[in-house]
PDB file of N, CA and C in Angstrom:
ATOM      1  N   MET A   1     107.586  92.095 130.029  1.00  0.00           N
ATOM      2  CA  MET A   1     109.030  92.132 130.142  1.00  0.00           C
ATOM      3  C   MET A   1     109.592  91.162 129.113  1.00  0.00           C
ATOM      4  N   ARG A   2     110.601  91.626 128.407  1.00  0.00           N
ATOM      5  CA  ARG A   2     111.224  90.746 127.428  1.00  0.00           C
ATOM      6  C   ARG A   2     112.731  90.805 127.569  1.00  0.00           C
ATOM      7  N   ILE A   3     113.363  89.671 127.334  1.00  0.00           N
ATOM      8  CA  ILE A   3     114.818  89.612 127.416  1.00  0.00           C
ATOM      9  C   ILE A   3     115.392  90.208 126.128  1.00  0.00           C
ATOM     10  N   ILE A   4     116.362  91.101 126.286  1.00  0.00           N
ATOM     11  CA  ILE A   4     116.948  91.744 125.107  1.00  0.00           C
ATOM     12  C   ILE A   4     118.432  91.429 124.945  1.00  0.00           C
ATOM     13  N   GLY A   5     119.013  90.767 125.945  1.00  0.00           N
ATOM     14  CA  GLY A   5     120.424  90.424 125.828  1.00  0.00           C
ATOM     15  C   GLY A   5     120.953  89.735 127.056  1.00  0.00           C
ATOM     16  N   SER A   6     122.226  89.413 126.993  1.00  0.00           N
ATOM     17  CA  SER A   6     122.894  88.781 128.122  1.00  0.00           C
ATOM     18  C   SER A   6     124.363  89.193 128.100  1.00  0.00           C
ATOM     19  N   ILE A   7     125.016  88.978 129.226  1.00  0.00           N
ATOM     20  CA  ILE A   7     126.438  89.255 129.341  1.00  0.00           C
ATOM     21  C   ILE A   7     127.101  87.953 129.778  1.00  0.00           C
ATOM     22  N   ALA A   8     128.090  87.534 129.034  1.00  0.00           N
ATOM     23  CA  ALA A   8     128.774  86.274 129.338  1.00  0.00           C
ATOM     24  C   ALA A   8     129.589  86.408 130.623  1.00  0.00           C
ATOM     25  N   HIS A   9     129.501  85.374 131.451  1.00  0.00           N
ATOM     26  CA  HIS A   9     130.293  85.304 132.683  1.00  0.00           C
ATOM     27  C   HIS A   9     130.496  83.834 133.010  1.00  0.00           C
ATOM     28  N   PRO A  10     131.689  83.443 133.487  1.00  0.00           N
ATOM     29  CA  PRO A  10     131.952  82.021 133.725  1.00  0.00           C
ATOM     30  C   PRO A  10     131.220  81.414 134.919  1.00  0.00           C
ATOM     31  N   LYS A  11     130.774  82.225 135.884  1.00  0.00           N
ATOM     32  CA  LYS A  11     130.184  81.662 137.098  1.00  0.00           C
ATOM     33  C   LYS A  11     128.716  81.973 137.298  1.00  0.00           C
ATOM     34  N   ILE A  12     128.208  83.032 136.711  1.00  0.00           N
ATOM     35  CA  ILE A  12     126.817  83.420 136.943  1.00  0.00           C
ATOM     36  C   ILE A  12     126.136  83.745 135.617  1.00  0.00           C
ATOM     37  N   THR A  13     124.813  83.789 135.640  1.00  0.00           N
ATOM     38  CA  THR A  13     124.021  84.165 134.481  1.00  0.00           C
ATOM     39  C   THR A  13     123.632  85.633 134.610  1.00  0.00           C
ATOM     40  N   ILE A  14     123.880  86.397 133.569  1.00  0.00           N
ATOM     41  CA  ILE A  14     123.528  87.813 133.566  1.00  0.00           C
ATOM     42  C   ILE A  14     122.576  88.050 132.395  1.00  0.00           C
ATOM     43  N   SER A  15     121.349  88.448 132.704  1.00  0.00           N
ATOM     44  CA  SER A  15     120.324  88.685 131.695  1.00  0.00           C
ATOM     45  C   SER A  15     119.894  90.140 131.722  1.00  0.00           C
ATOM     46  N   ILE A  16     119.586  90.675 130.539  1.00  0.00           N
ATOM     47  CA  ILE A  16     119.127  92.050 130.426  1.00  0.00           C
ATOM     48  C   ILE A  16     117.707  92.034 129.878  1.00  0.00           C
ATOM     49  N   PHE A  17     116.802  92.676 130.602  1.00  0.00           N
ATOM     50  CA  PHE A  17     115.396  92.748 130.226  1.00  0.00           C
ATOM     51  C   PHE A  17     115.007  94.192 129.956  1.00  0.00           C
ATOM     52  N   SER A  18     113.936  94.377 129.200  1.00  0.00           N
ATOM     53  CA  SER A  18     113.379  95.705 128.968  1.00  0.00           C
ATOM     54  C   SER A  18     111.885  95.657 129.268  1.00  0.00           C
ATOM     55  N   MET A  19     111.423  96.659 130.045  1.00  0.00           N
ATOM     56  CA  MET A  19     110.002  96.740 130.372  1.00  0.00           C
ATOM     57  C   MET A  19     109.679  98.157 130.839  1.00  0.00           C
ATOM     58  N   ASN A  20     108.643  98.749 130.288  1.00  0.00           N
ATOM     59  CA  ASN A  20     108.137 100.049 130.724  1.00  0.00           C
ATOM     60  C   ASN A  20     109.228 101.106 130.858  1.00  0.00           C
ATOM     61  N   ASP A  21     109.998 101.312 129.814  1.00  0.00           N
ATOM     62  CA  ASP A  21     111.059 102.327 129.786  1.00  0.00           C
ATOM     63  C   ASP A  21     112.147 102.104 130.823  1.00  0.00           C
ATOM     64  N   LYS A  22     112.299 100.860 131.270  1.00  0.00           N
ATOM     65  CA  LYS A  22     113.364 100.524 132.210  1.00  0.00           C
ATOM     66  C   LYS A  22     114.068  99.258 131.727  1.00  0.00           C
ATOM     67  N   TYR A  23     115.360  99.216 132.024  1.00  0.00           N
ATOM     68  CA  TYR A  23     116.126  97.981 131.853  1.00  0.00           C
ATOM     69  C   TYR A  23     116.217  97.317 133.216  1.00  0.00           C
ATOM     70  N   GLN A  24     116.172  96.012 133.219  1.00  0.00           N
ATOM     71  CA  GLN A  24     116.449  95.246 134.427  1.00  0.00           C
ATOM     72  C   GLN A  24     117.626  94.333 134.113  1.00  0.00           C
ATOM     73  N   VAL A  25     118.652  94.428 134.944  1.00  0.00           N
ATOM     74  CA  VAL A  25     119.831  93.584 134.776  1.00  0.00           C
ATOM     75  C   VAL A  25     119.800  92.572 135.915  1.00  0.00           C
ATOM     76  N   LYS A  26     119.626  91.300 135.559  1.00  0.00           N
ATOM     77  CA  LYS A  26     119.475  90.245 136.566  1.00  0.00           C
ATOM     78  C   LYS A  26     120.721  89.365 136.596  1.00  0.00           C
ATOM     79  N   PHE A  27     121.263  89.205 137.795  1.00  0.00           N
ATOM     80  CA  PHE A  27     122.425  88.359 138.048  1.00  0.00           C
ATOM     81  C   PHE A  27     121.922  87.149 138.823  1.00  0.00           C
ATOM     82  N   GLU A  28     122.198  85.939 138.349  1.00  0.00           N
ATOM     83  CA  GLU A  28     121.730  84.714 138.994  1.00  0.00           C
ATOM     84  C   GLU A  28     122.898  83.795 139.320  1.00  0.00           C
ATOM     85  N   ALA A  29     122.891  83.296 140.555  1.00  0.00           N
ATOM     86  CA  ALA A  29     123.876  82.303 140.997  1.00  0.00           C
ATOM     87  C   ALA A  29     123.125  81.289 141.843  1.00  0.00           C
ATOM     88  N   GLY A  30     122.928  80.103 141.307  1.00  0.00           N
ATOM     89  CA  GLY A  30     122.182  79.080 142.044  1.00  0.00           C
ATOM     90  C   GLY A  30     120.793  79.589 142.396  1.00  0.00           C
ATOM     91  N   PRO A  31     120.387  79.469 143.670  1.00  0.00           N
ATOM     92  CA  PRO A  31     119.043  79.888 144.071  1.00  0.00           C
ATOM     93  C   PRO A  31     118.939  81.390 144.381  1.00  0.00           C
ATOM     94  N   MET A  32     120.008  82.137 144.148  1.00  0.00           N
ATOM     95  CA  MET A  32     120.031  83.554 144.514  1.00  0.00           C
ATOM     96  C   MET A  32     120.034  84.421 143.270  1.00  0.00           C
ATOM     97  N   GLU A  33     119.449  85.622 143.399  1.00  0.00           N
ATOM     98  CA  GLU A  33     119.504  86.569 142.302  1.00  0.00           C
ATOM     99  C   GLU A  33     119.555  87.997 142.831  1.00  0.00           C
ATOM    100  N   GLN A  34     120.133  88.856 142.016  1.00  0.00           N
ATOM    101  CA  GLN A  34     120.189  90.285 142.290  1.00  0.00           C
ATOM    102  C   GLN A  34     119.690  90.985 141.030  1.00  0.00           C
ATOM    103  N   ILE A  35     118.843  91.987 141.207  1.00  0.00           N
ATOM    104  CA  ILE A  35     118.292  92.718 140.067  1.00  0.00           C
ATOM    105  C   ILE A  35     118.522  94.202 140.272  1.00  0.00           C
ATOM    106  N   PHE A  36     119.001  94.841 139.221  1.00  0.00           N
ATOM    107  CA  PHE A  36     119.204  96.281 139.215  1.00  0.00           C
ATOM    108  C   PHE A  36     118.351  96.868 138.100  1.00  0.00           C
ATOM    109  N   LYS A  37     117.689  97.989 138.383  1.00  0.00           N
ATOM    110  CA  LYS A  37     116.817  98.639 137.409  1.00  0.00           C
ATOM    111  C   LYS A  37     117.405  99.978 137.006  1.00  0.00           C
ATOM    112  N   LEU A  38     117.346 100.243 135.708  1.00  0.00           N
ATOM    113  CA  LEU A  38     117.869 101.486 135.150  1.00  0.00           C
ATOM    114  C   LEU A  38     116.859 102.048 134.165  1.00  0.00           C
ATOM    115  N   SER A  39     116.727 103.346 134.141  1.00  0.00           N
ATOM    116  CA  SER A  39     115.905 104.001 133.138  1.00  0.00           C
ATOM    117  C   SER A  39     116.591 103.881 131.784  1.00  0.00           C
ATOM    118  N   HIS A  40     115.809 103.801 130.724  1.00  0.00           N
ATOM    119  CA  HIS A  40     116.387 103.757 129.380  1.00  0.00           C
ATOM    120  C   HIS A  40     117.242 104.992 129.103  1.00  0.00           C
ATOM    121  N   THR A  41     116.961 106.093 129.779  1.00  0.00           N
ATOM    122  CA  THR A  41     117.720 107.322 129.557  1.00  0.00           C
ATOM    123  C   THR A  41     119.055 107.340 130.311  1.00  0.00           C
ATOM    124  N   GLU A  42     119.262 106.410 131.252  1.00  0.00           N
ATOM    125  CA  GLU A  42     120.494 106.390 132.052  1.00  0.00           C
ATOM    126  C   GLU A  42     121.672 105.764 131.319  1.00  0.00           C
ATOM    127  N   VAL A  43     121.396 104.850 130.417  1.00  0.00           N
ATOM    128  CA  VAL A  43     122.465 104.147 129.700  1.00  0.00           C
ATOM    129  C   VAL A  43     122.121 104.084 128.217  1.00  0.00           C
ATOM    130  N   ASN A  44     123.141 103.831 127.417  1.00  0.00           N
ATOM    131  CA  ASN A  44     122.958 103.743 125.972  1.00  0.00           C
ATOM    132  C   ASN A  44     122.767 102.280 125.563  1.00  0.00           C
ATOM    133  N   GLY A  45     121.583 101.741 125.822  1.00  0.00           N
ATOM    134  CA  GLY A  45     121.250 100.386 125.407  1.00  0.00           C
ATOM    135  C   GLY A  45     122.114  99.311 126.040  1.00  0.00           C
ATOM    136  N   ILE A  46     122.157  98.170 125.364  1.00  0.00           N
ATOM    137  CA  ILE A  46     122.904  97.017 125.868  1.00  0.00           C
ATOM    138  C   ILE A  46     124.390  97.356 125.997  1.00  0.00           C
ATOM    139  N   GLU A  47     124.916  98.125 125.050  1.00  0.00           N
ATOM    140  CA  GLU A  47     126.334  98.491 125.102  1.00  0.00           C
ATOM    141  C   GLU A  47     126.645  99.285 126.370  1.00  0.00           C
ATOM    142  N   GLY A  48     125.752 100.196 126.730  1.00  0.00           N
ATOM    143  CA  GLY A  48     125.944 100.988 127.943  1.00  0.00           C
ATOM    144  C   GLY A  48     125.885 100.135 129.196  1.00  0.00           C
ATOM    145  N   ILE A  49     124.986  99.166 129.203  1.00  0.00           N
ATOM    146  CA  ILE A  49     124.874  98.261 130.354  1.00  0.00           C
ATOM    147  C   ILE A  49     126.141  97.416 130.469  1.00  0.00           C
ATOM    148  N   GLN A  50     126.650  96.941 129.344  1.00  0.00           N
ATOM    149  CA  GLN A  50     127.876  96.140 129.368  1.00  0.00           C
ATOM    150  C   GLN A  50     129.045  96.946 129.920  1.00  0.00           C
ATOM    151  N   LYS A  51     129.121  98.228 129.614  1.00  0.00           N
ATOM    152  CA  LYS A  51     130.179  99.081 130.163  1.00  0.00           C
ATOM    153  C   LYS A  51     129.982  99.301 131.659  1.00  0.00           C
ATOM    154  N   LEU A  52     128.732  99.427 132.083  1.00  0.00           N
ATOM    155  CA  LEU A  52     128.417  99.626 133.501  1.00  0.00           C
ATOM    156  C   LEU A  52     128.854  98.425 134.338  1.00  0.00           C
ATOM    157  N   VAL A  53     128.685  97.231 133.785  1.00  0.00           N
ATOM    158  CA  VAL A  53     129.012  95.989 134.495  1.00  0.00           C
ATOM    159  C   VAL A  53     130.508  95.720 134.317  1.00  0.00           C
ATOM    160  N   ASP A  54     131.309  96.551 134.966  1.00  0.00           N
ATOM    161  CA  ASP A  54     132.758  96.420 134.850  1.00  0.00           C
ATOM    162  C   ASP A  54     133.306  95.483 135.930  1.00  0.00           C
ATOM    163  N   GLU A  55     134.616  95.336 135.959  1.00  0.00           N
ATOM    164  CA  GLU A  55     135.263  94.385 136.882  1.00  0.00           C
ATOM    165  C   GLU A  55     134.974  94.730 138.348  1.00  0.00           C
ATOM    166  N   GLU A  56     135.034  96.002 138.698  1.00  0.00           N
ATOM    167  CA  GLU A  56     134.777  96.408 140.084  1.00  0.00           C
ATOM    168  C   GLU A  56     133.338  96.113 140.501  1.00  0.00           C
ATOM    169  N   PHE A  57     132.390  96.423 139.611  1.00  0.00           N
ATOM    170  CA  PHE A  57     130.981  96.143 139.896  1.00  0.00           C
ATOM    171  C   PHE A  57     130.754  94.641 140.052  1.00  0.00           C
ATOM    172  N   MET A  58     131.361  93.845 139.160  1.00  0.00           N
ATOM    173  CA  MET A  58     131.202  92.394 139.230  1.00  0.00           C
ATOM    174  C   MET A  58     131.784  91.824 140.514  1.00  0.00           C
ATOM    175  N   GLN A  59     132.889  92.378 140.997  1.00  0.00           N
ATOM    176  CA  GLN A  59     133.467  91.898 142.249  1.00  0.00           C
ATOM    177  C   GLN A  59     132.498  92.125 143.401  1.00  0.00           C
ATOM    178  N   LYS A  60     131.829  93.272 143.403  1.00  0.00           N
ATOM    179  CA  LYS A  60     130.846  93.556 144.458  1.00  0.00           C
ATOM    180  C   LYS A  60     129.635  92.631 144.337  1.00  0.00           C
ATOM    181  N   ILE A  61     129.230  92.328 143.121  1.00  0.00           N
ATOM    182  CA  ILE A  61     128.134  91.367 142.903  1.00  0.00           C
ATOM    183  C   ILE A  61     128.525  90.004 143.482  1.00  0.00           C
ATOM    184  N   MET A  62     129.739  89.553 143.174  1.00  0.00           N
ATOM    185  CA  MET A  62     130.191  88.245 143.659  1.00  0.00           C
ATOM    186  C   MET A  62     130.321  88.237 145.181  1.00  0.00           C
ATOM    187  N   ASP A  63     130.818  89.331 145.764  1.00  0.00           N
ATOM    188  CA  ASP A  63     130.906  89.431 147.226  1.00  0.00           C
ATOM    189  C   ASP A  63     129.520  89.344 147.854  1.00  0.00           C
ATOM    190  N   ARG A  64     128.559  90.033 147.247  1.00  0.00           N
ATOM    191  CA  ARG A  64     127.185  90.024 147.769  1.00  0.00           C
ATOM    192  C   ARG A  64     126.580  88.627 147.667  1.00  0.00           C
ATOM    193  N   PHE A  65     126.847  87.915 146.556  1.00  0.00           N
ATOM    194  CA  PHE A  65     126.360  86.537 146.437  1.00  0.00           C
ATOM    195  C   PHE A  65     126.954  85.665 147.535  1.00  0.00           C
ATOM    196  N   ASN A  66     128.218  85.854 147.847  1.00  0.00           N
ATOM    197  CA  ASN A  66     128.854  85.084 148.912  1.00  0.00           C
ATOM    198  C   ASN A  66     128.184  85.379 150.257  1.00  0.00           C
ATOM    199  N   GLU A  67     127.922  86.654 150.534  1.00  0.00           N
ATOM    200  CA  GLU A  67     127.233  87.026 151.775  1.00  0.00           C
ATOM    201  C   GLU A  67     125.830  86.407 151.829  1.00  0.00           C
ATOM    202  N   MET A  68     125.125  86.439 150.700  1.00  0.00           N
ATOM    203  CA  MET A  68     123.785  85.854 150.639  1.00  0.00           C
ATOM    204  C   MET A  68     123.840  84.357 150.910  1.00  0.00           C
ATOM    205  N   TYR A  69     124.813  83.685 150.296  1.00  0.00           N
ATOM    206  CA  TYR A  69     124.963  82.242 150.484  1.00  0.00           C
ATOM    207  C   TYR A  69     125.216  81.906 151.954  1.00  0.00           C
ATOM    208  N   LEU A  70     126.147  82.622 152.574  1.00  0.00           N
ATOM    209  CA  LEU A  70     126.481  82.348 153.977  1.00  0.00           C
ATOM    210  C   LEU A  70     125.291  82.631 154.892  1.00  0.00           C
ATOM    211  N   SER A  71     124.560  83.682 154.627  1.00  0.00           N
ATOM    212  CA  SER A  71     123.388  84.021 155.426  1.00  0.00           C
ATOM    213  C   SER A  71     122.315  82.937 155.309  1.00  0.00           C
ATOM    214  N   PHE A  72     122.053  82.506 154.077  1.00  0.00           N
ATOM    215  CA  PHE A  72     121.033  81.481 153.847  1.00  0.00           C
ATOM    216  C   PHE A  72     121.461  80.146 154.450  1.00  0.00           C
ATOM    217  N   LYS A  73     122.736  79.809 154.283  1.00  0.00           N
ATOM    218  CA  LYS A  73     123.264  78.563 154.851  1.00  0.00           C
ATOM    219  C   LYS A  73     123.108  78.570 156.370  1.00  0.00           C
ATOM    220  N   GLY A  74     123.443  79.690 157.020  1.00  0.00           N
ATOM    221  CA  GLY A  74     123.300  79.804 158.468  1.00  0.00           C
ATOM    222  C   GLY A  74     121.857  79.659 158.910  1.00  0.00           C
ATOM    223  N   ALA A  75     120.946  80.266 158.171  1.00  0.00           N
ATOM    224  CA  ALA A  75     119.521  80.164 158.512  1.00  0.00           C
ATOM    225  C   ALA A  75     119.037  78.723 158.392  1.00  0.00           C
ATOM    226  N   LYS A  76     119.456  78.041 157.338  1.00  0.00           N
ATOM    227  CA  LYS A  76     119.050  76.642 157.163  1.00  0.00           C
ATOM    228  C   LYS A  76     119.631  75.767 158.267  1.00  0.00           C
ATOM    229  N   GLU A  77     120.871  76.015 158.652  1.00  0.00           N
ATOM    230  CA  GLU A  77     121.491  75.232 159.725  1.00  0.00           C
ATOM    231  C   GLU A  77     120.762  75.439 161.057  1.00  0.00           C
ATOM    232  N   ARG A  78     120.341  76.659 161.345  1.00  0.00           N
ATOM    233  CA  ARG A  78     119.596  76.925 162.580  1.00  0.00           C
ATOM    234  C   ARG A  78     118.216  76.276 162.540  1.00  0.00           C
ATOM    235  N   TYR A  79     117.612  76.262 161.386  1.00  0.00           N
ATOM    236  CA  TYR A  79     116.279  75.686 161.233  1.00  0.00           C
ATOM    237  C   TYR A  79     116.319  74.165 161.376  1.00  0.00           C
ATOM    238  N   ILE A  80     117.310  73.545 160.763  1.00  0.00           N
ATOM    239  CA  ILE A  80     117.418  72.094 160.754  1.00  0.00           C
ATOM    240  C   ILE A  80     117.922  71.567 162.093  1.00  0.00           C
ATOM    241  N   ALA A  81     118.765  72.329 162.766  1.00  0.00           N
ATOM    242  CA  ALA A  81     119.372  71.879 164.017  1.00  0.00           C
ATOM    243  C   ALA A  81     118.423  71.806 165.117  1.00  0.00           C
TER     244      ALA A  81
END
């Protein structure tokens, strides 16, 4: 797997990888990450991925990170308590 690009974002890291005829788009926020896999035939390279990652998609990514954070925080609080 090799990194072929990134998408700038003020709050999270977005990396684009290529491996075995698939792209992997990884979103990272602190200790959490989300990865989406796409066939090379589904999008037109990095430009196609950048178009796919639009404002609506990013809002859902951020909402999911918030849900992940709250879930993990709750689990840690139950474990420590």
